[in-house]
């Protein structure tokens, strides 16, 4: 077989079913090998830009908790994808990034598209490997996959010259066995149990590693046995605990003042599976509580003082061990002396319906009720806190970019719909965000994705104006999207999606009644609001 075929068989052996990319000349050997596999084999999913291809692969990795694969076209294509590679790294998505390189036989001539690929990609990946000859192909392919899947997981680049992809190789592809973390040993488990037992009011703060470890169930069982809330750390890319759990306390706001206020009533904090608090605007940390940490990333940063205990360990096994020591029927009986957990997410009252007023919070709540059970990708700007307030989702099925950038969710939702063809996928995005990778809509139509993209249209960069109100004393006129007013019906028509527009609550109710929680094909729904009406939870955004 040639190297391209070996690479694809290696991907299949490691559970990969799709490669996402915007191919060029250097990708022809790989695309041809995908084509020759037929409809039942690994498929190449064409995106119209690398900007959208990376989030598609990222979403597939997150939803499958396994390897995602994206193919980037030489130096300009790599540059196009790097912003979303940064986002994938923040969320610790195990991506194999297949970077096309120019044909090695004429590099000395300075050909078009050639560039310093290793230097370009190194800042946004865990490791970079370059295929240089048939003798090291098998080792480097396996090592790249293994590195991406070894905790702490993350993107890994594999640079693939097309002339080498055409070369022959006589090696059998295998499934790699990445290193795994073990749980806490008996002494460490006892120390963490004692830390929690000594607290009168402990709280847990969770991040991405809970998802990658498959530890959401263990987290929920421990928290409910303790009667403790679970807060999602700011910008956590995948919801770490079911919203149905009475311990679900929602996302912390991305500012240290707000974090300190929310956690003030707790005397001990167990941080579970995140590296640091990702905050937005500057403020000083005030977290005087006793603190402990368990996670996958040894580069963890302590906030507000050192951790009393900190261990790199597998979260599923570690949280299970703590539950056995502290939970139902355990010898410590920690949970027995505390009140049963109550719904920890602060209640929010929706404004009353008013004729002629289309309130964004009422719209978001109605949308999430109607599409209950959907996989939700959120980049709703100032309405994001509303989405988190009203969503009812399983752990891992509410996803955000995690990096704070925009232009990820729409494309990621397309990748999610390709990865989970039997599920309804819902993307809720702001009108500004919808423009960053709108070409992903073509891939949704091309693949017949079960996807509803909801654009919240207020013709403003509302998040920026909220920040400007705090930093500059008021909104800034440049943060607007009119004139002219964007016509999202044209965008849907361009890419072959069904289109609906609602300007009132009555129109939205009709749409939701008609669709009954599932759209028949890729659909774009525009909800147009008065920009002067803020979401009810807007104050939480910073």
Protein backbone atom coordinates (compact mmCIF):
# COMPACT_ATOMS: atom_id res chain seq x y z
CA UNK A 1 0.00 0.00 0.00
CA UNK A 2 1.09 3.62 -0.30
CA UNK A 3 1.56 5.97 2.65
CA UNK A 4 -1.82 7.70 2.09
CA UNK A 5 -3.60 4.36 2.36
CA UNK A 6 -1.58 3.40 5.43
CA UNK A 7 -2.51 6.71 7.06
CA UNK A 8 -6.22 6.21 6.40
CA UNK A 9 -6.16 2.61 7.64
CA UNK A 10 -4.38 3.80 10.79
CA UNK A 11 -7.11 6.38 11.36
CA UNK A 12 -9.82 3.76 10.89
CA UNK A 13 -8.05 1.42 13.32
CA UNK A 14 -8.26 4.23 15.87
CA UNK A 15 -11.98 4.86 15.47
CA UNK A 16 -11.95 7.72 12.94
CA UNK A 17 -14.76 7.84 10.38
CA UNK A 18 -14.41 11.35 8.93
CA UNK A 19 -11.62 13.64 7.81
CA UNK A 20 -12.67 17.30 7.54
CA UNK A 21 -10.79 19.62 5.24
CA UNK A 22 -10.65 22.20 2.48
CA UNK A 23 -8.35 20.31 0.09
CA UNK A 24 -5.90 21.69 -2.43
CA UNK A 25 -3.33 20.21 -4.77
CA UNK A 26 -1.16 18.80 -1.97
CA UNK A 27 -4.14 16.88 -0.56
CA UNK A 28 -5.00 15.03 -3.79
CA UNK A 29 -3.33 11.73 -2.73
CA UNK A 30 -5.29 11.73 0.54
CA UNK A 31 -8.63 12.72 -1.03
CA UNK A 32 -8.21 10.13 -3.78
CA UNK A 33 -7.52 7.42 -1.20
CA UNK A 34 -10.69 8.42 0.68
CA UNK A 35 -12.72 8.33 -2.54
CA UNK A 36 -11.47 4.86 -3.41
CA UNK A 37 -12.71 3.47 -0.09
CA UNK A 38 -16.36 3.68 -1.16
CA UNK A 39 -19.41 4.85 0.79
CA UNK A 40 -18.87 2.51 3.74
CA UNK A 41 -15.31 3.61 4.46
CA UNK A 42 -13.73 6.64 6.04
CA UNK A 43 -15.06 9.73 4.25
CA UNK A 44 -13.53 13.08 3.42
CA UNK A 45 -15.97 15.84 4.43
CA UNK A 46 -15.34 18.92 2.31
CA UNK A 47 -15.53 22.33 3.97
CA UNK A 48 -15.23 25.53 1.98
CA UNK A 49 -12.48 26.91 4.20
CA UNK A 50 -10.07 25.80 6.89
CA UNK A 51 -11.76 28.30 9.22
CA UNK A 52 -14.81 26.03 9.26
CA UNK A 53 -13.04 22.66 8.83
CA UNK A 54 -11.21 22.86 12.16
CA UNK A 55 -14.34 23.39 14.33
CA UNK A 56 -16.09 20.55 12.48
CA UNK A 57 -13.32 18.12 13.43
CA UNK A 58 -13.12 19.64 16.92
CA UNK A 59 -16.83 18.98 17.49
CA UNK A 60 -16.47 15.40 16.32
CA UNK A 61 -13.63 14.86 18.79
CA UNK A 62 -15.60 16.41 21.65
CA UNK A 63 -18.84 14.54 21.05
CA UNK A 64 -17.10 11.20 20.48
CA UNK A 65 -14.48 11.77 23.22
CA UNK A 66 -11.94 10.45 20.73
CA UNK A 67 -9.68 11.43 17.87
CA UNK A 68 -10.85 14.09 15.42
CA UNK A 69 -9.02 14.68 12.14
CA UNK A 70 -8.69 17.85 10.09
CA UNK A 71 -6.70 18.33 6.88
CA UNK A 72 -5.19 21.79 6.28
CA UNK A 73 -3.75 22.92 2.96
CA UNK A 74 -0.10 24.01 3.27
CA UNK A 75 0.99 27.36 4.71
CA UNK A 76 -1.99 29.65 3.84
CA UNK A 77 -4.51 26.98 4.80
CA UNK A 78 -2.70 26.33 8.06
CA UNK A 79 -2.80 30.05 8.76
CA UNK A 80 -6.54 30.11 8.09
CA UNK A 81 -7.14 27.33 10.59
CA UNK A 82 -4.87 28.46 13.40
CA UNK A 83 -7.40 30.57 15.30
CA UNK A 84 -9.68 27.57 15.73
CA UNK A 85 -6.70 25.29 16.45
CA UNK A 86 -6.05 27.61 19.38
CA UNK A 87 -9.65 27.07 20.48
CA UNK A 88 -9.31 23.28 20.14
CA UNK A 89 -6.19 23.41 22.30
CA UNK A 90 -7.95 25.38 25.02
CA UNK A 91 -10.69 22.73 25.13
CA UNK A 92 -8.04 19.93 25.01
CA UNK A 93 -9.61 18.36 21.94
CA UNK A 94 -7.50 15.44 20.64
CA UNK A 95 -7.17 16.52 17.01
CA UNK A 96 -4.81 15.06 14.46
CA UNK A 97 -4.01 17.98 12.16
CA UNK A 98 -2.84 16.67 8.79
CA UNK A 99 -0.96 19.60 7.25
CA UNK A 100 -0.24 19.44 3.55
CA UNK A 101 3.33 20.30 2.58
CA UNK A 102 4.73 21.07 -0.83
CA UNK A 103 6.31 18.31 -2.91
CA UNK A 104 9.83 17.84 -1.55
CA UNK A 105 11.33 17.36 -5.02
CA UNK A 106 11.21 21.08 -5.82
CA UNK A 107 11.39 22.83 -2.47
CA UNK A 108 14.76 24.28 -3.52
CA UNK A 109 12.94 26.40 -6.12
CA UNK A 110 10.79 28.23 -3.54
CA UNK A 111 7.43 26.97 -4.86
CA UNK A 112 4.10 28.64 -4.27
CA UNK A 113 2.43 27.86 -0.91
CA UNK A 114 5.65 26.65 0.74
CA UNK A 115 6.25 27.99 4.23
CA UNK A 116 7.77 27.24 7.65
CA UNK A 117 4.99 24.85 8.68
CA UNK A 118 6.59 23.54 11.86
CA UNK A 119 7.30 27.03 13.19
CA UNK A 120 3.82 28.24 12.23
CA UNK A 121 1.84 25.50 13.92
CA UNK A 122 3.97 24.82 17.00
CA UNK A 123 2.40 27.51 19.27
CA UNK A 124 -1.11 26.03 18.98
CA UNK A 125 -0.47 22.27 19.22
CA UNK A 126 0.97 19.79 21.73
CA UNK A 127 3.54 18.45 19.28
CA UNK A 128 4.58 18.56 15.61
CA UNK A 129 5.76 15.60 13.56
CA UNK A 130 6.96 15.74 9.94
CA UNK A 131 6.91 12.71 7.64
CA UNK A 132 10.36 12.64 6.05
CA UNK A 133 10.71 9.14 4.62
CA UNK A 134 9.02 5.75 4.42
CA UNK A 135 11.20 4.39 7.19
CA UNK A 136 9.64 6.58 9.89
CA UNK A 137 6.05 6.83 8.63
CA UNK A 138 4.56 4.07 10.79
CA UNK A 139 6.28 5.30 13.93
CA UNK A 140 5.37 8.97 13.42
CA UNK A 141 1.73 8.31 12.48
CA UNK A 142 1.24 6.15 15.58
CA UNK A 143 3.15 8.60 17.77
CA UNK A 144 1.08 11.58 16.56
CA UNK A 145 -2.19 9.75 17.32
CA UNK A 146 -0.86 8.56 20.68
CA UNK A 147 0.27 12.06 21.68
CA UNK A 148 -3.11 13.60 20.82
CA UNK A 149 -4.94 10.99 22.92
CA UNK A 150 -2.60 10.99 25.94
CA UNK A 151 -3.79 13.18 28.85
CA UNK A 152 -3.76 16.10 28.86
CA UNK A 153 -5.22 15.62 25.39
CA UNK A 154 -4.86 18.18 22.62
CA UNK A 155 -4.17 18.88 18.93
CA UNK A 156 -1.10 17.38 17.29
CA UNK A 157 0.20 18.31 13.82
CA UNK A 158 1.44 15.77 11.28
CA UNK A 159 3.04 17.36 8.21
CA UNK A 160 2.44 15.25 5.10
CA UNK A 161 4.36 15.91 1.83
CA UNK A 162 2.25 14.67 -1.13
CA UNK A 163 5.13 12.92 -2.88
CA UNK A 164 5.71 10.82 0.25
CA UNK A 165 1.99 10.01 0.47
CA UNK A 166 2.35 8.33 -2.95
CA UNK A 167 5.32 6.19 -1.83
CA UNK A 168 4.94 2.52 -0.99
CA UNK A 169 5.09 1.12 2.53
CA UNK A 170 4.87 -2.43 3.84
CA UNK A 171 3.48 -2.01 7.37
CA UNK A 172 0.24 -3.14 9.03
CA UNK A 173 -1.77 -0.30 10.66
CA UNK A 174 -2.60 -0.78 14.34
CA UNK A 175 -4.74 0.78 17.07
CA UNK A 176 -2.47 2.75 19.38
CA UNK A 177 -2.59 2.36 23.16
CA UNK A 178 -2.04 5.80 24.66
CA UNK A 179 -0.86 6.12 28.24
CA UNK A 180 -3.64 6.43 30.78
CA UNK A 181 -3.66 8.08 34.19
CA UNK A 182 -4.44 5.99 37.25
CA UNK A 183 -6.76 7.00 40.06
CA UNK A 184 -5.75 8.26 43.48
CA UNK A 185 -3.88 5.76 45.63
CA UNK A 186 -5.37 4.86 49.00
CA UNK A 187 -3.40 7.50 50.89
CA UNK A 188 -4.27 10.32 48.52
CA UNK A 189 -7.92 9.29 48.41
CA UNK A 190 -8.02 9.38 52.20
CA UNK A 191 -6.42 12.84 52.21
CA UNK A 192 -8.98 14.25 49.75
CA UNK A 193 -11.80 12.61 51.70
CA UNK A 194 -10.52 14.23 54.89
CA UNK A 195 -10.35 17.59 53.11
CA UNK A 196 -14.03 17.32 52.16
CA UNK A 197 -15.08 15.80 55.49
CA UNK A 198 -13.62 18.73 57.43
CA UNK A 199 -15.61 21.30 55.45
CA UNK A 200 -18.99 22.56 56.57
CA UNK A 201 -19.93 23.78 53.09
CA UNK A 202 -17.75 22.35 50.30
CA UNK A 203 -18.30 23.15 46.63
CA UNK A 204 -16.91 21.56 43.47
CA UNK A 205 -15.71 23.54 40.43
CA UNK A 206 -15.40 21.46 37.26
CA UNK A 207 -13.73 21.84 33.87
CA UNK A 208 -13.00 20.05 30.60
CA UNK A 209 -11.04 17.09 31.97
CA UNK A 210 -14.27 15.77 33.51
CA UNK A 211 -15.57 15.33 29.97
CA UNK A 212 -12.41 13.81 28.51
CA UNK A 213 -12.20 11.32 31.39
CA UNK A 214 -15.84 10.27 30.99
CA UNK A 215 -16.25 11.27 34.62
CA UNK A 216 -19.54 13.21 34.52
CA UNK A 217 -21.47 10.41 36.20
CA UNK A 218 -18.87 10.03 38.94
CA UNK A 219 -18.89 13.80 39.51
CA UNK A 220 -22.66 13.85 39.83
CA UNK A 221 -22.76 10.92 42.25
CA UNK A 222 -20.11 12.44 44.49
CA UNK A 223 -21.69 15.91 44.51
CA UNK A 224 -25.17 14.60 45.24
CA UNK A 225 -23.89 12.37 48.04
CA UNK A 226 -22.10 15.35 49.58
CA UNK A 227 -25.04 17.69 49.07
CA UNK A 228 -22.61 20.05 47.33
CA UNK A 229 -23.04 22.20 44.23
CA UNK A 230 -21.01 21.73 41.06
CA UNK A 231 -20.04 24.98 39.36
CA UNK A 232 -18.79 24.87 35.78
CA UNK A 233 -15.60 26.92 35.45
CA UNK A 234 -15.88 29.94 33.12
CA UNK A 235 -15.54 29.04 29.44
CA UNK A 236 -15.62 25.28 30.08
CA UNK A 237 -16.05 23.90 26.58
CA UNK A 238 -18.30 20.93 27.41
CA UNK A 239 -20.93 20.88 30.15
CA UNK A 240 -19.40 18.69 32.91
CA UNK A 241 -22.62 17.63 34.71
CA UNK A 242 -26.21 16.98 33.67
CA UNK A 243 -28.40 20.03 34.18
CA UNK A 244 -31.02 17.69 35.70
CA UNK A 245 -28.78 17.11 38.70
CA UNK A 246 -29.77 19.06 41.79
CA UNK A 247 -26.06 19.77 42.22
CA UNK A 248 -25.80 21.61 38.88
CA UNK A 249 -25.02 25.23 39.81
CA UNK A 250 -24.40 26.62 36.34
CA UNK A 251 -21.40 28.41 34.90
CA UNK A 252 -19.35 30.87 36.93
CA UNK A 253 -19.12 34.31 35.36
CA UNK A 254 -15.70 35.06 33.82
CA UNK A 255 -14.52 37.67 36.32
CA UNK A 256 -12.80 37.18 39.66
CA UNK A 257 -15.13 39.56 41.51
CA UNK A 258 -18.18 37.63 40.32
CA UNK A 259 -16.46 34.30 41.02
CA UNK A 260 -15.54 35.38 44.54
CA UNK A 261 -19.09 36.55 45.26
CA UNK A 262 -20.64 33.32 43.97
CA UNK A 263 -18.29 31.10 46.00
CA UNK A 264 -18.13 33.21 49.17
CA UNK A 265 -20.52 31.06 51.21
CA UNK A 266 -18.40 27.91 50.78
CA UNK A 267 -15.50 27.10 53.06
CA UNK A 268 -13.71 24.54 50.86
CA UNK A 269 -13.35 24.29 47.09
CA UNK A 270 -12.45 21.11 45.22
CA UNK A 271 -11.36 22.01 41.68
CA UNK A 272 -11.96 19.09 39.35
CA UNK A 273 -10.32 18.87 35.95
CA UNK A 274 -9.44 22.34 34.80
CA UNK A 275 -6.22 24.27 34.44
CA UNK A 276 -7.21 27.80 35.46
CA UNK A 277 -10.03 30.31 35.68
CA UNK A 278 -10.36 31.88 32.22
CA UNK A 279 -11.58 35.40 32.93
CA UNK A 280 -12.42 38.33 30.66
CA UNK A 281 -11.99 41.75 32.29
CA UNK A 282 -9.35 42.45 34.91
CA UNK A 283 -10.20 42.10 38.58
CA UNK A 284 -8.35 40.68 41.58
CA UNK A 285 -8.96 37.15 42.85
CA UNK A 286 -10.45 36.82 46.34
CA UNK A 287 -10.74 33.13 47.14
CA UNK A 288 -9.65 32.66 50.78
CA UNK A 289 -11.18 29.18 51.10
CA UNK A 290 -9.20 25.98 51.53
CA UNK A 291 -8.58 24.60 48.05
CA UNK A 292 -7.70 21.24 46.50
CA UNK A 293 -7.33 20.10 42.89
CA UNK A 294 -7.52 16.86 40.89
CA UNK A 295 -7.02 16.89 37.13
CA UNK A 296 -5.05 15.87 34.08
CA UNK A 297 -2.89 18.91 33.35
CA UNK A 298 0.27 19.43 35.43
CA UNK A 299 0.41 23.03 34.16
CA UNK A 300 -2.51 23.89 36.50
CA UNK A 301 -2.55 27.44 37.90
CA UNK A 302 -3.74 28.07 41.45
CA UNK A 303 -5.96 31.12 42.00
CA UNK A 304 -6.09 32.99 45.29
CA UNK A 305 -3.39 30.96 47.04
CA UNK A 306 -1.83 27.53 46.81
CA UNK A 307 -3.75 24.26 46.76
CA UNK A 308 -3.73 22.33 50.01
CA UNK A 309 -3.80 19.14 47.93
CA UNK A 310 -3.12 18.73 44.20
CA UNK A 311 -2.83 15.49 42.24
CA UNK A 312 -2.60 14.55 38.56
CA UNK A 313 -4.95 11.56 38.34
CA UNK A 314 -7.73 9.97 36.31
CA UNK A 315 -10.92 11.73 37.31
CA UNK A 316 -13.41 8.93 36.82
CA UNK A 317 -11.48 6.56 39.07
CA UNK A 318 -10.59 9.29 41.59
CA UNK A 319 -14.10 10.67 42.00
CA UNK A 320 -15.42 7.12 42.26
CA UNK A 321 -12.98 6.40 45.06
CA UNK A 322 -14.03 9.54 46.94
CA UNK A 323 -17.67 8.62 46.55
CA UNK A 324 -17.01 5.21 48.08
CA UNK A 325 -15.30 6.85 51.04
CA UNK A 326 -17.75 9.69 51.56
CA UNK A 327 -21.00 8.79 49.88
CA UNK A 328 -24.00 6.53 50.23
CA UNK A 329 -23.25 3.86 52.79
CA UNK A 330 -19.61 4.90 53.10
CA UNK A 331 -17.76 4.72 56.39
CA UNK A 332 -17.29 8.46 56.67
CA UNK A 333 -20.96 9.35 56.45
CA UNK A 334 -20.07 12.83 55.24
CA UNK A 335 -23.25 13.38 53.31
CA UNK A 336 -25.50 12.25 56.14
CA UNK A 337 -25.00 15.31 58.29
CA UNK A 338 -25.72 17.79 55.52
CA UNK A 339 -29.03 18.83 54.00
CA UNK A 340 -30.09 17.16 50.77
CA UNK A 341 -29.00 19.13 47.71
CA UNK A 342 -31.44 21.65 46.32
CA UNK A 343 -31.59 23.17 42.88
CA UNK A 344 -28.38 25.23 42.96
CA UNK A 345 -28.84 27.28 39.80
CA UNK A 346 -30.27 30.67 40.81
CA UNK A 347 -33.81 31.09 39.57
CA UNK A 348 -34.58 33.76 36.97
CA UNK A 349 -38.03 35.06 36.28
CA UNK A 350 -38.93 35.64 32.66
CA UNK A 351 -40.58 38.96 31.84
CA UNK A 352 -44.29 38.80 31.13
CA UNK A 353 -45.40 38.61 27.51
CA UNK A 354 -46.19 42.04 26.11
CA UNK A 355 -47.95 42.65 22.80
CA UNK A 356 -45.56 43.99 20.21
CA UNK A 357 -42.43 43.10 22.25
CA UNK A 358 -40.23 40.19 21.13
CA UNK A 359 -38.07 39.55 24.17
CA UNK A 360 -34.84 37.60 23.53
CA UNK A 361 -34.99 35.78 26.88
CA UNK A 362 -38.52 34.54 26.28
CA UNK A 363 -37.48 33.42 22.79
CA UNK A 364 -34.43 31.51 24.03
CA UNK A 365 -36.43 29.80 26.78
CA UNK A 366 -39.17 28.76 24.32
CA UNK A 367 -36.63 27.51 21.79
CA UNK A 368 -34.82 25.35 24.34
CA UNK A 369 -38.08 23.90 25.65
CA UNK A 370 -39.17 22.97 22.14
CA UNK A 371 -35.82 21.43 21.17
CA UNK A 372 -35.33 19.59 24.44
CA UNK A 373 -32.87 16.74 23.95
CA UNK A 374 -30.94 18.41 21.13
CA UNK A 375 -27.16 18.72 21.16
CA UNK A 376 -26.63 22.46 21.64
CA UNK A 377 -23.73 24.58 20.36
CA UNK A 378 -23.77 28.05 21.89
CA UNK A 379 -22.16 31.24 20.67
CA UNK A 380 -25.08 33.50 21.44
CA UNK A 381 -23.09 36.49 22.65
CA UNK A 382 -24.89 38.44 25.34
CA UNK A 383 -27.68 35.81 25.33
CA UNK A 384 -25.30 33.00 26.31
CA UNK A 385 -26.16 33.32 30.00
CA UNK A 386 -29.83 32.97 29.05
CA UNK A 387 -29.06 29.78 27.14
CA UNK A 388 -27.27 28.39 30.20
CA UNK A 389 -30.11 29.43 32.47
CA UNK A 390 -32.85 27.67 30.52
CA UNK A 391 -31.10 24.71 28.91
CA UNK A 392 -31.82 21.14 30.00
CA UNK A 393 -28.97 19.02 28.69
CA UNK A 394 -26.95 15.91 29.33
CA UNK A 395 -23.32 16.34 30.32
CA UNK A 396 -21.19 16.89 27.22
CA UNK A 397 -24.15 17.89 25.03
CA UNK A 398 -23.94 21.64 25.62
CA UNK A 399 -20.80 22.96 23.93
CA UNK A 400 -19.08 26.32 23.65
CA UNK A 401 -15.77 27.21 22.03
CA UNK A 402 -14.02 27.58 25.42
CA UNK A 403 -11.46 30.11 24.18
CA UNK A 404 -13.63 33.22 24.21
CA UNK A 405 -13.26 33.77 20.46
CA UNK A 406 -16.17 33.70 18.04
CA UNK A 407 -16.72 32.00 14.72
CA UNK A 408 -16.57 28.46 16.12
CA UNK A 409 -20.08 27.32 17.03
CA UNK A 410 -21.83 27.41 13.66
CA UNK A 411 -19.13 25.32 11.96
CA UNK A 412 -18.75 23.06 15.00
CA UNK A 413 -22.49 22.37 14.94
CA UNK A 414 -22.14 21.15 11.36
CA UNK A 415 -19.37 18.78 12.46
CA UNK A 416 -21.54 17.65 15.35
CA UNK A 417 -24.43 16.89 13.02
CA UNK A 418 -22.14 14.89 10.71
CA UNK A 419 -20.76 12.99 13.72
CA UNK A 420 -24.22 12.26 15.19
CA UNK A 421 -26.55 11.80 12.20
CA UNK A 422 -29.40 10.45 14.28
CA UNK A 423 -29.52 13.45 16.63
CA UNK A 424 -31.04 16.90 16.31
CA UNK A 425 -28.30 19.51 16.56
CA UNK A 426 -29.04 23.11 17.51
CA UNK A 427 -26.68 26.07 17.09
CA UNK A 428 -27.61 29.33 18.81
CA UNK A 429 -25.39 32.14 17.54
CA UNK A 430 -25.34 35.91 17.46
CA UNK A 431 -25.66 37.69 14.13
CA UNK A 432 -22.05 38.88 14.26
CA UNK A 433 -20.75 35.42 15.11
CA UNK A 434 -22.78 33.83 12.31
CA UNK A 435 -20.72 35.67 9.71
CA UNK A 436 -17.29 34.31 10.69
CA UNK A 437 -17.62 30.82 9.22
CA UNK A 438 -20.94 31.00 7.41
CA UNK A 439 -19.50 28.93 4.56
CA UNK A 440 -19.94 25.94 6.90
CA UNK A 441 -23.63 26.10 5.99
CA UNK A 442 -22.76 24.70 2.57
CA UNK A 443 -21.31 21.57 4.18
CA UNK A 444 -24.49 21.22 6.25
CA UNK A 445 -26.59 21.28 3.09
CA UNK A 446 -24.17 19.05 1.20
CA UNK A 447 -24.35 16.39 3.94
CA UNK A 448 -28.09 16.79 4.66
CA UNK A 449 -27.33 17.53 8.32
CA UNK A 450 -30.12 17.51 10.89
CA UNK A 451 -29.18 21.01 11.97
CA UNK A 452 -31.09 24.09 13.07
CA UNK A 453 -29.00 27.27 13.15
CA UNK A 454 -30.73 30.01 15.14
CA UNK A 455 -29.35 33.50 14.54
CA UNK A 456 -30.20 36.00 17.27
CA UNK A 457 -30.28 39.21 15.26
CA UNK A 458 -30.07 42.52 17.11
CA UNK A 459 -27.81 44.27 14.57
CA UNK A 460 -25.24 45.01 17.27
CA UNK A 461 -22.08 43.59 18.81
CA UNK A 462 -24.01 43.60 22.06
CA UNK A 463 -21.29 41.86 24.06
CA UNK A 464 -18.76 44.52 23.09
CA UNK A 465 -21.15 47.29 24.02
CA UNK A 466 -21.75 45.65 27.41
CA UNK A 467 -17.99 45.65 27.93
CA UNK A 468 -17.76 49.23 26.68
CA UNK A 469 -20.40 50.27 29.20
CA UNK A 470 -18.06 49.03 31.94
CA UNK A 471 -14.75 50.19 30.45
CA UNK A 472 -15.64 53.28 28.44
CA UNK A 473 -18.74 54.65 30.14
CA UNK A 474 -21.21 53.61 27.45
CA UNK A 475 -21.80 51.87 24.12
CA UNK A 476 -19.57 52.64 21.15
CA UNK A 477 -21.22 53.48 17.87
CA UNK A 478 -18.80 51.42 15.80
CA UNK A 479 -20.08 48.21 17.43
CA UNK A 480 -23.07 47.98 15.12
CA UNK A 481 -24.10 45.83 12.17
CA UNK A 482 -26.24 48.43 10.41
CA UNK A 483 -26.64 50.03 8.00
CA UNK A 484 -27.20 48.00 5.96
CA UNK A 485 -29.29 45.44 7.80
CA UNK A 486 -27.99 41.94 7.08
CA UNK A 487 -30.35 39.68 5.13
CA UNK A 488 -29.85 36.18 6.48
CA UNK A 489 -32.40 34.80 4.03
CA UNK A 490 -29.85 35.48 1.30
CA UNK A 491 -27.19 33.62 3.25
CA UNK A 492 -29.48 30.60 3.61
CA UNK A 493 -30.39 30.68 -0.07
CA UNK A 494 -26.73 30.95 -1.09
CA UNK A 495 -25.84 27.78 0.79
CA UNK A 496 -29.01 25.78 0.13
CA UNK A 497 -30.68 25.85 3.56
CA UNK A 498 -34.34 26.26 4.38
CA UNK A 499 -35.00 29.66 5.93
CA UNK A 500 -37.45 31.07 8.47
CA UNK A 501 -37.62 34.51 10.06
CA UNK A 502 -39.53 35.47 13.19
CA UNK A 503 -40.14 39.04 14.32
CA UNK A 504 -42.58 38.21 17.10
CA UNK A 505 -43.29 35.67 19.77
CA UNK A 506 -46.40 34.53 17.94
CA UNK A 507 -44.39 33.74 14.80
CA UNK A 508 -41.84 31.82 16.84
CA UNK A 509 -44.55 29.80 18.57
CA UNK A 510 -45.94 28.81 15.17
CA UNK A 511 -42.51 27.69 13.98
CA UNK A 512 -41.87 25.67 17.15
CA UNK A 513 -45.30 24.05 16.99
CA UNK A 514 -44.79 23.10 13.35
CA UNK A 515 -41.30 21.62 13.80
CA UNK A 516 -42.03 19.87 17.14
CA UNK A 517 -38.38 19.67 18.15
CA UNK A 518 -36.88 18.43 14.88
CA UNK A 519 -36.23 20.04 11.51
CA UNK A 520 -36.47 17.90 8.35
CA UNK A 521 -33.22 19.26 6.92
CA UNK A 522 -30.62 21.96 7.48
CA UNK A 523 -32.48 25.12 8.43
CA UNK A 524 -31.55 28.69 9.34
CA UNK A 525 -33.95 30.51 11.67
CA UNK A 526 -33.46 34.24 12.16
CA UNK A 527 -34.98 35.84 15.26
CA UNK A 528 -34.99 39.63 15.01
CA UNK A 529 -35.06 41.68 18.21
CA UNK A 530 -35.09 45.29 19.25
CA UNK A 531 -31.43 45.97 20.18
CA UNK A 532 -32.49 48.06 23.17
CA UNK A 533 -33.90 44.98 24.96
CA UNK A 534 -31.25 43.14 26.94
CA UNK A 535 -31.39 39.46 27.98
CA UNK A 536 -32.51 39.00 31.58
CA UNK A 537 -29.17 37.45 32.57
CA UNK A 538 -26.93 39.93 30.69
CA UNK A 539 -25.30 41.08 33.95
CA UNK A 540 -23.70 37.64 34.31
CA UNK A 541 -21.75 37.92 31.07
CA UNK A 542 -18.69 39.51 32.69
